Amino acid sequence: MKPPRGARVLVRAIRNYIAHQSANAAGSLAFSGVLAMFPLLILLSAAAAFLGEPGDAAALAVRVLDFAPQAVQDVMKPAVHEVLARRNQALLAIGLLATLWTASSGMQATRSALNRAYGVEHGLSFWKARIKVTIFTVVVGTGVLVAFSSVVVMPYVWQWLSAHAEAGEQTVRLYNAVRYGIAFAVLTGLYALLYGLLPDVRQRFLTVLPGAVVGAAMWVAAAAGLSYAFRTVGKLALLYGSFAGVVATLVFLYASAVTLIFGAEINGVLREE
């Protein structure tokens, strides 16, 4: 008897993930994400100074980090505030292209990983690819911050929950369920956008949605699991000392990259079938 189609797709996706050496690609993507994160944040902060209040980008970045494990928040939030507090608008204007180039490096790594998952051997030329990922960096970066901006959404949701639910542990669980539910919905849309437009192969939205759903679900599970595991970060400090928070951050970014690439592997298998 044949195994269910879903199980066959999952097994093939795991095989392809190993064959494509996607674990190495996830590590490269996590490293590129660290390098690109702060230049992108500075760039968006400069844009916020023209479109709204200068502190908007920092507030939104902090709200995005609220979805990360506490150990990651403890490392990243002070760094975000320090970088944005010291930014020099004149220097940023002069080095805008360099800043954008650095910020798009993470997106370039993502494109390469997705191309490998989809079996694309010969993609765009270097400059065409660079222009593509630069545009994507600005659009997706802005979209992520706006979409995750519980600065706008979550206070009203939390106010409604507080008014209609009893205080206590049950309310906290309900709040976390809504919070991760919003993260799942946003990431599904974001992953679908990346899968559909970033690789050098034409696709339709419906063909990339299965992998987007799987990848987003894996991310939510990874975020919740790591949040629980990192509560014992004191034990991690026995191995890494003061670098425990940095290690936790890299592990979280690596797990996030794995979910993104594995979702693309799911779509790659479905595309082959």
Protein backbone atom coordinates (compact mmCIF):
# COMPACT_ATOMS: atom_id res chain seq x y z
CA MET A 1 0.00 0.00 0.00
CA LYS A 2 1.31 3.43 -0.96
CA PRO A 3 1.98 5.90 1.86
CA PRO A 4 -0.16 9.07 1.89
CA ARG A 5 0.92 11.76 -0.56
CA GLY A 6 1.71 14.18 2.26
CA ALA A 7 4.12 11.67 3.83
CA ARG A 8 5.81 11.04 0.48
CA VAL A 9 6.26 14.76 -0.12
CA LEU A 10 7.67 15.22 3.38
CA VAL A 11 10.18 12.36 3.00
CA ARG A 12 11.34 13.64 -0.40
CA ALA A 13 11.65 17.17 0.98
CA ILE A 14 13.86 15.89 3.81
CA ARG A 15 16.01 13.98 1.31
CA ASN A 16 16.35 17.04 -0.91
CA TYR A 17 17.16 19.20 2.12
CA ILE A 18 20.08 16.88 2.88
CA ALA A 19 21.15 16.46 -0.76
CA HIS A 20 21.17 20.23 -1.36
CA GLN A 21 23.28 20.73 1.78
CA SER A 22 20.62 23.13 2.98
CA ALA A 23 21.90 22.93 6.56
CA ASN A 24 25.01 24.78 5.39
CA ALA A 25 22.84 27.25 3.47
CA ALA A 26 20.80 27.89 6.63
CA GLY A 27 23.98 28.66 8.55
CA SER A 28 25.10 31.05 5.82
CA LEU A 29 21.67 32.66 5.80
CA ALA A 30 21.72 33.13 9.58
CA PHE A 31 25.17 34.75 9.40
CA SER A 32 24.09 37.01 6.54
CA GLY A 33 21.00 37.93 8.53
CA VAL A 34 23.14 39.13 11.43
CA LEU A 35 25.27 41.27 9.11
CA ALA A 36 22.27 42.68 7.24
CA MET A 37 19.93 43.22 10.19
CA PHE A 38 21.28 46.49 11.57
CA PRO A 39 22.03 48.25 8.26
CA LEU A 40 18.46 47.46 7.21
CA LEU A 41 17.13 48.72 10.53
CA ILE A 42 19.08 51.98 10.17
CA LEU A 43 17.79 52.38 6.63
CA LEU A 44 14.17 51.89 7.72
CA SER A 45 14.69 54.22 10.66
CA ALA A 46 15.89 56.94 8.30
CA ALA A 47 12.80 56.40 6.15
CA ALA A 48 10.60 56.60 9.25
CA ALA A 49 12.02 60.04 9.97
CA PHE A 50 10.43 61.25 6.74
CA LEU A 51 7.23 59.20 6.89
CA GLY A 52 6.48 59.40 10.60
CA GLU A 53 8.17 59.69 13.95
CA PRO A 54 11.90 58.83 14.10
CA GLY A 55 11.23 56.36 16.92
CA ASP A 56 8.72 54.33 14.89
CA ALA A 57 11.32 51.96 13.44
CA ALA A 58 12.77 51.20 16.88
CA ALA A 59 9.31 50.60 18.34
CA LEU A 60 8.39 48.28 15.49
CA ALA A 61 11.71 46.42 15.71
CA VAL A 62 11.15 45.85 19.42
CA ARG A 63 7.66 44.53 18.70
CA VAL A 64 9.08 42.10 16.14
CA LEU A 65 11.64 40.92 18.70
CA ASP A 66 8.80 40.21 21.14
CA PHE A 67 8.16 37.07 19.10
CA ALA A 68 11.69 35.80 19.79
CA PRO A 69 12.74 33.85 22.91
CA GLN A 70 13.56 35.98 25.95
CA ALA A 71 17.27 35.18 25.77
CA VAL A 72 17.32 36.56 22.23
CA GLN A 73 15.41 39.68 23.28
CA ASP A 74 17.89 40.35 26.08
CA VAL A 75 20.72 40.49 23.54
CA MET A 76 19.02 42.21 20.63
CA LYS A 77 16.87 44.94 22.20
CA PRO A 78 19.76 46.88 23.82
CA ALA A 79 21.73 46.57 20.58
CA VAL A 80 18.80 47.91 18.54
CA HIS A 81 18.41 50.95 20.79
CA GLU A 82 22.16 51.59 20.82
CA VAL A 83 22.52 51.41 17.03
CA LEU A 84 19.52 53.65 16.35
CA ALA A 85 20.53 56.15 19.02
CA ARG A 86 23.99 56.59 17.49
CA ARG A 87 23.00 56.70 13.84
CA ASN A 88 24.22 59.70 11.89
CA GLN A 89 21.71 60.87 9.28
CA ALA A 90 24.34 62.74 7.24
CA LEU A 91 26.66 59.74 7.23
CA LEU A 92 23.74 57.51 6.32
CA ALA A 93 22.81 59.73 3.37
CA ILE A 94 26.40 59.61 2.10
CA GLY A 95 26.66 55.86 2.60
CA LEU A 96 23.11 55.02 1.52
CA LEU A 97 24.18 52.75 -1.32
CA ALA A 98 26.69 50.93 0.87
CA THR A 99 24.07 50.51 3.58
CA LEU A 100 21.54 49.17 1.10
CA TRP A 101 24.14 46.84 -0.42
CA THR A 102 24.97 45.38 2.99
CA ALA A 103 21.32 45.08 3.95
CA SER A 104 20.52 43.22 0.72
CA SER A 105 23.25 40.63 1.34
CA GLY A 106 20.89 38.60 3.51
CA MET A 107 18.26 38.65 0.77
CA GLN A 108 20.88 37.53 -1.76
CA ALA A 109 21.74 34.56 0.46
CA THR A 110 18.02 33.77 0.70
CA ARG A 111 17.67 33.88 -3.10
CA SER A 112 20.60 31.49 -3.54
CA ALA A 113 19.16 29.05 -0.99
CA LEU A 114 15.71 29.12 -2.62
CA ASN A 115 17.18 28.65 -6.10
CA ARG A 116 18.96 25.54 -4.84
CA ALA A 117 15.74 24.22 -3.30
CA TYR A 118 13.90 24.71 -6.60
CA GLY A 119 16.69 23.14 -8.62
CA VAL A 120 17.61 26.34 -10.47
CA GLU A 121 21.18 25.91 -11.75
CA HIS A 122 21.54 29.04 -13.88
CA GLY A 123 19.76 32.07 -12.52
CA LEU A 124 19.96 35.77 -13.30
CA SER A 125 23.22 37.53 -14.03
CA PHE A 126 25.02 39.12 -11.09
CA TRP A 127 23.79 42.69 -11.58
CA LYS A 128 20.21 41.72 -12.43
CA ALA A 129 20.10 39.53 -9.34
CA ARG A 130 21.55 42.30 -7.19
CA ILE A 131 18.98 44.83 -8.37
CA LYS A 132 16.23 42.29 -7.72
CA VAL A 133 17.31 41.52 -4.15
CA THR A 134 17.88 45.22 -3.38
CA ILE A 135 14.30 46.06 -4.32
CA PHE A 136 13.11 43.04 -2.36
CA THR A 137 15.10 44.12 0.68
CA VAL A 138 13.34 47.48 0.88
CA VAL A 139 9.87 46.13 0.10
CA VAL A 140 10.03 43.02 2.31
CA GLY A 141 11.84 44.78 5.16
CA THR A 142 9.21 47.49 5.29
CA GLY A 143 6.43 44.94 4.92
CA VAL A 144 7.72 42.81 7.79
CA LEU A 145 7.92 45.72 10.20
CA VAL A 146 4.51 47.04 9.24
CA ALA A 147 2.84 43.63 9.25
CA PHE A 148 4.34 42.64 12.59
CA SER A 149 3.64 46.06 14.06
CA SER A 150 1.69 44.99 17.06
CA VAL A 151 2.29 48.66 17.97
CA VAL A 152 -0.91 49.13 15.97
CA VAL A 153 -2.70 45.80 16.36
CA MET A 154 -1.77 44.02 19.56
CA PRO A 155 -2.65 46.72 22.14
CA TYR A 156 -6.26 46.71 20.90
CA VAL A 157 -6.36 42.89 20.81
CA TRP A 158 -4.90 42.69 24.31
CA GLN A 159 -7.35 45.31 25.59
CA TRP A 160 -10.25 43.27 24.21
CA LEU A 161 -8.86 40.04 25.72
CA SER A 162 -8.39 41.70 29.11
CA ALA A 163 -11.99 42.93 29.07
CA HIS A 164 -13.54 39.60 28.06
CA ALA A 165 -11.33 37.08 29.84
CA GLU A 166 -10.51 36.37 33.47
CA ALA A 167 -7.11 37.46 34.67
CA GLY A 168 -4.54 34.81 35.32
CA GLU A 169 -2.60 32.09 33.55
CA GLN A 170 -5.46 31.40 31.12
CA THR A 171 -5.36 34.99 29.87
CA VAL A 172 -1.61 34.77 29.29
CA ARG A 173 -2.07 31.56 27.29
CA LEU A 174 -4.80 33.20 25.24
CA TYR A 175 -2.57 36.19 24.61
CA ASN A 176 0.29 33.94 23.46
CA ALA A 177 -2.08 31.99 21.20
CA VAL A 178 -3.25 35.21 19.53
CA ARG A 179 0.31 36.52 19.30
CA TYR A 180 1.65 33.39 17.63
CA GLY A 181 -1.48 33.17 15.48
CA ILE A 182 -0.72 36.62 14.09
CA ALA A 183 2.91 35.59 13.56
CA PHE A 184 1.77 32.47 11.66
CA ALA A 185 -0.56 34.44 9.39
CA VAL A 186 2.06 37.11 8.63
CA LEU A 187 4.84 34.61 8.02
CA THR A 188 2.66 32.54 5.72
CA GLY A 189 2.13 35.60 3.55
CA LEU A 190 5.79 36.62 3.76
CA TYR A 191 7.09 33.13 2.92
CA ALA A 192 4.64 32.88 0.01
CA LEU A 193 5.92 36.23 -1.27
CA LEU A 194 9.55 35.10 -1.03
CA TYR A 195 8.87 31.69 -2.60
CA GLY A 196 6.82 33.17 -5.41
CA LEU A 197 8.98 36.09 -6.49
CA LEU A 198 12.54 35.75 -5.18
CA PRO A 199 13.75 32.52 -6.89
CA ASP A 200 14.66 32.73 -10.58
CA VAL A 201 11.69 30.62 -11.67
CA ARG A 202 8.12 31.63 -12.45
CA GLN A 203 5.41 30.39 -10.09
CA ARG A 204 1.84 31.07 -9.09
CA PHE A 205 0.64 31.93 -5.60
CA LEU A 206 -1.29 28.68 -5.10
CA THR A 207 1.76 26.59 -5.96
CA VAL A 208 3.89 28.20 -3.22
CA LEU A 209 1.21 28.31 -0.51
CA PRO A 210 1.74 24.72 0.81
CA GLY A 211 5.41 25.33 1.55
CA ALA A 212 4.59 28.74 3.06
CA VAL A 213 2.10 27.16 5.46
CA VAL A 214 4.54 24.40 6.45
CA GLY A 215 7.43 26.83 6.88
CA ALA A 216 5.39 29.28 8.97
CA ALA A 217 4.05 26.46 11.16
CA MET A 218 7.59 25.18 11.69
CA TRP A 219 8.74 28.69 12.65
CA VAL A 220 5.99 29.08 15.25
CA ALA A 221 6.82 25.66 16.68
CA ALA A 222 10.55 26.49 16.72
CA ALA A 223 9.96 29.88 18.37
CA ALA A 224 7.74 28.37 21.05
CA GLY A 225 10.13 25.44 21.61
CA LEU A 226 13.23 27.61 21.83
CA SER A 227 11.44 30.02 24.16
CA TYR A 228 10.86 27.11 26.51
CA ALA A 229 14.38 25.71 26.10
CA PHE A 230 16.11 29.08 26.58
CA ARG A 231 14.42 29.63 29.92
CA THR A 232 17.27 27.50 31.23
CA VAL A 233 19.77 29.81 29.53
CA GLY A 234 21.70 29.83 32.81
CA LYS A 235 22.78 26.28 31.97
CA LEU A 236 23.84 27.51 28.54
CA ALA A 237 26.02 30.08 30.30
CA LEU A 238 27.98 27.24 31.90
CA LEU A 239 29.21 26.33 28.41
CA TYR A 240 29.42 29.73 26.71
CA GLY A 241 29.74 32.20 29.57
CA SER A 242 28.77 35.75 28.63
CA PHE A 243 28.29 34.62 25.01
CA ALA A 244 25.25 32.52 25.97
CA GLY A 245 22.81 35.18 24.73
CA VAL A 246 24.71 35.56 21.44
CA VAL A 247 24.69 31.79 20.92
CA ALA A 248 20.95 31.71 21.66
CA THR A 249 20.40 34.45 19.06
CA LEU A 250 22.37 32.59 16.39
CA VAL A 251 20.51 29.35 17.14
CA PHE A 252 17.20 31.18 16.79
CA LEU A 253 18.24 32.75 13.46
CA TYR A 254 19.51 29.39 12.23
CA ALA A 255 16.22 27.68 13.14
CA SER A 256 14.33 30.46 11.33
CA ALA A 257 16.47 29.94 8.22
CA VAL A 258 15.82 26.19 8.34
CA THR A 259 12.04 26.76 8.32
CA LEU A 260 12.32 29.10 5.34
CA ILE A 261 14.46 26.72 3.28
CA PHE A 262 12.49 23.60 4.21
CA GLY A 263 9.25 25.23 3.10
CA ALA A 264 10.90 25.87 -0.26
CA GLU A 265 11.97 22.22 -0.43
CA ILE A 266 8.31 21.23 0.06
CA ASN A 267 7.33 23.43 -2.87
CA GLY A 268 10.22 22.07 -4.92
CA VAL A 269 8.95 18.50 -4.49
CA LEU A 270 5.38 19.53 -5.35
CA ARG A 271 6.71 21.33 -8.44
CA GLU A 272 8.54 18.19 -9.60
CA GLU A 273 5.37 16.12 -9.20
